C-alpha atoms as a PDB file:
ATOM      1  CA  MET A   1     186.634 105.703 122.075  1.00  0.00           C
ATOM      2  CA  LYS A   2     184.625 107.214 124.890  1.00  0.00           C
ATOM      3  CA  ALA A   3     181.281 105.708 125.837  1.00  0.00           C
ATOM      4  CA  GLN A   4     178.823 108.570 125.376  1.00  0.00           C
ATOM      5  CA  SER A   5     175.846 106.319 126.000  1.00  0.00           C
ATOM      6  CA  ALA A   6     175.496 102.885 127.527  1.00  0.00           C
ATOM      7  CA  GLU A   7     172.357 100.966 128.291  1.00  0.00           C
ATOM      8  CA  TYR A   8     171.326  97.491 129.325  1.00  0.00           C
ATOM      9  CA  VAL A   9     169.313  95.926 126.506  1.00  0.00           C
ATOM     10  CA  MET A  10     168.447  92.358 127.450  1.00  0.00           C
ATOM     11  CA  SER A  11     169.432  89.068 129.065  1.00  0.00           C
ATOM     12  CA  GLU A  12     168.851  85.904 127.100  1.00  0.00           C
ATOM     13  CA  VAL A  13     169.700  82.198 127.189  1.00  0.00           C
ATOM     14  CA  ALA A  14     168.493  81.185 123.715  1.00  0.00           C
ATOM     15  CA  VAL A  15     170.859  82.112 120.880  1.00  0.00           C
ATOM     16  CA  SER A  16     167.873  82.338 118.545  1.00  0.00           C
ATOM     17  CA  ARG A  17     166.626  85.340 120.556  1.00  0.00           C
ATOM     18  CA  PHE A  18     169.872  87.337 120.522  1.00  0.00           C
ATOM     19  CA  PRO A  19     169.616  90.769 118.851  1.00  0.00           C
ATOM     20  CA  ILE A  20     169.978  90.576 115.075  1.00  0.00           C
ATOM     21  CA  ASN A  21     170.545  94.117 113.904  1.00  0.00           C
ATOM     22  CA  GLY A  22     173.990  94.013 112.299  1.00  0.00           C
ATOM     23  CA  LEU A  23     175.848  95.670 115.178  1.00  0.00           C
ATOM     24  CA  PHE A  24     179.207  94.320 116.292  1.00  0.00           C
ATOM     25  CA  GLU A  25     179.408  92.411 119.561  1.00  0.00           C
ATOM     26  CA  ILE A  26     182.373  92.421 121.906  1.00  0.00           C
ATOM     27  CA  VAL A  27     181.892  89.254 123.928  1.00  0.00           C
ATOM     28  CA  LEU A  28     183.580  88.972 127.313  1.00  0.00           C
ATOM     29  CA  VAL A  29     184.273  85.398 128.336  1.00  0.00           C
ATOM     30  CA  GLY A  30     186.219  83.983 131.232  1.00  0.00           C
ATOM     31  CA  LYS A  31     186.003  82.193 134.523  1.00  0.00           C
ATOM     32  CA  SER A  32     183.776  83.369 137.344  1.00  0.00           C
ATOM     33  CA  ASN A  33     184.787  86.468 139.306  1.00  0.00           C
ATOM     34  CA  VAL A  34     187.557  87.629 136.989  1.00  0.00           C
ATOM     35  CA  GLY A  35     186.046  91.080 136.442  1.00  0.00           C
ATOM     36  CA  LYS A  36     184.020  90.882 133.224  1.00  0.00           C
ATOM     37  CA  SER A  37     181.140  92.954 134.616  1.00  0.00           C
ATOM     38  CA  SER A  38     183.562  95.295 136.383  1.00  0.00           C
ATOM     39  CA  PHE A  39     185.319  95.825 133.040  1.00  0.00           C
ATOM     40  CA  ILE A  40     182.034  96.866 131.410  1.00  0.00           C
ATOM     41  CA  ASN A  41     181.325  99.263 134.279  1.00  0.00           C
ATOM     42  CA  ALA A  42     184.812 100.766 134.043  1.00  0.00           C
ATOM     43  CA  MET A  43     184.690 101.176 130.257  1.00  0.00           C
ATOM     44  CA  THR A  44     181.304 102.903 130.408  1.00  0.00           C
ATOM     45  CA  ASN A  45     182.139 104.945 133.529  1.00  0.00           C
ATOM     46  CA  ARG A  46     178.988 103.616 135.193  1.00  0.00           C
ATOM     47  CA  ARG A  47     179.028 102.023 138.611  1.00  0.00           C
ATOM     48  CA  ASN A  48     176.087  99.624 138.333  1.00  0.00           C
ATOM     49  CA  LEU A  49     175.365  99.129 134.635  1.00  0.00           C
ATOM     50  CA  ALA A  50     176.577  95.526 134.699  1.00  0.00           C
ATOM     51  CA  ARG A  51     175.682  93.852 137.968  1.00  0.00           C
ATOM     52  CA  THR A  52     178.475  92.187 139.889  1.00  0.00           C
ATOM     53  CA  SER A  53     177.918  89.274 142.224  1.00  0.00           C
ATOM     54  CA  SER A  54     179.802  88.052 145.269  1.00  0.00           C
ATOM     55  CA  GLN A  55     178.887  84.458 144.371  1.00  0.00           C
ATOM     56  CA  PRO A  56     180.991  82.866 141.602  1.00  0.00           C
ATOM     57  CA  GLY A  57     179.110  81.375 138.656  1.00  0.00           C
ATOM     58  CA  LYS A  58     175.911  83.327 139.238  1.00  0.00           C
ATOM     59  CA  THR A  59     175.474  84.604 135.651  1.00  0.00           C
ATOM     60  CA  ARG A  60     173.561  82.098 133.511  1.00  0.00           C
ATOM     61  CA  THR A  61     172.479  84.389 130.678  1.00  0.00           C
ATOM     62  CA  ALA A  62     174.092  86.463 127.944  1.00  0.00           C
ATOM     63  CA  ASN A  63     173.651  90.095 128.975  1.00  0.00           C
ATOM     64  CA  PHE A  64     173.656  92.691 126.189  1.00  0.00           C
ATOM     65  CA  TYR A  65     174.728  96.310 126.745  1.00  0.00           C
ATOM     66  CA  LEU A  66     174.392  98.788 123.872  1.00  0.00           C
ATOM     67  CA  ILE A  67     177.325 101.188 123.696  1.00  0.00           C
ATOM     68  CA  ASN A  68     177.080 104.470 121.749  1.00  0.00           C
ATOM     69  CA  GLU A  69     174.242 102.904 119.756  1.00  0.00           C
ATOM     70  CA  SER A  70     176.930 101.273 117.605  1.00  0.00           C
ATOM     71  CA  PHE A  71     178.024  97.991 119.264  1.00  0.00           C
ATOM     72  CA  TYR A  72     177.278  95.642 122.153  1.00  0.00           C
ATOM     73  CA  PHE A  73     179.289  94.463 125.101  1.00  0.00           C
ATOM     74  CA  VAL A  74     178.064  90.955 125.864  1.00  0.00           C
ATOM     75  CA  ASP A  75     178.746  89.500 129.297  1.00  0.00           C
END
């Protein structure tokens, strides 16, 4: 599947505020600096959609990216 559209939707810490619209979520989990954000950027062919940090452990929120208006990547 090719990503025709990709957009940042939101960052959230409270599970109760996560999007509830019936779309599938592909959640990327792993240790710091293993390339989760870089994976999102590579899959969407966008250089700075998902921000990458030089400091490990910087991300403290769940970041939602809507892909092809049909599912989310969650980092």
